[in-house]
Amino acid sequence: EHIYQGRLKAAVRHNMRFYAYAISILVFVGFFVAISKGFGPSAVAGYLIAAANCYGMLLVVLMIGYGIVDVPRELWVRSNPARQLRYLEFTANSVESSMLDAKCDLEEIIRSVYAFKNKLEQGRSGIITPD
């Protein structure tokens, strides 16, 4: 639980830093264009649309680049059954260890619940035993 919260906080901080840089660059470019070309109220919409299109095209290019490289690589790795079997055999031990740890934790929780249930039943019957 704490790991996910830490990762979420780190991701939010990273995104805030990225957007702070992006906004500061956008403001700098906006002031530069306003000083050099004249920046009337009617031109604001055009510049904002152009900036949004550039940002969108950049994201599309990055995502297509990722898809062109990573998707075929993943398909290539998964198409080799021997390699896939070796990988699954390699990870099976750690998965089994995690499963056994979770099973022990579950058994401990079940014992605690039953102990609490027994204490509750003893309290209801009027017999209170010292712990």
Foldseek 3Di string as FASTA:
>chain_A
DVVVVVVVVVVVVVVVVVVVVVVVVVVVVVVVCCVPPNDDPVCVVVVVVVVVVVVVVVVVVVVVVCCVPPVVVVVVQVVDVVNVVVVCVVCVVVVVVVVVVVVVVVVVVVVVVVVVVVQVVCVVVVHHDDD
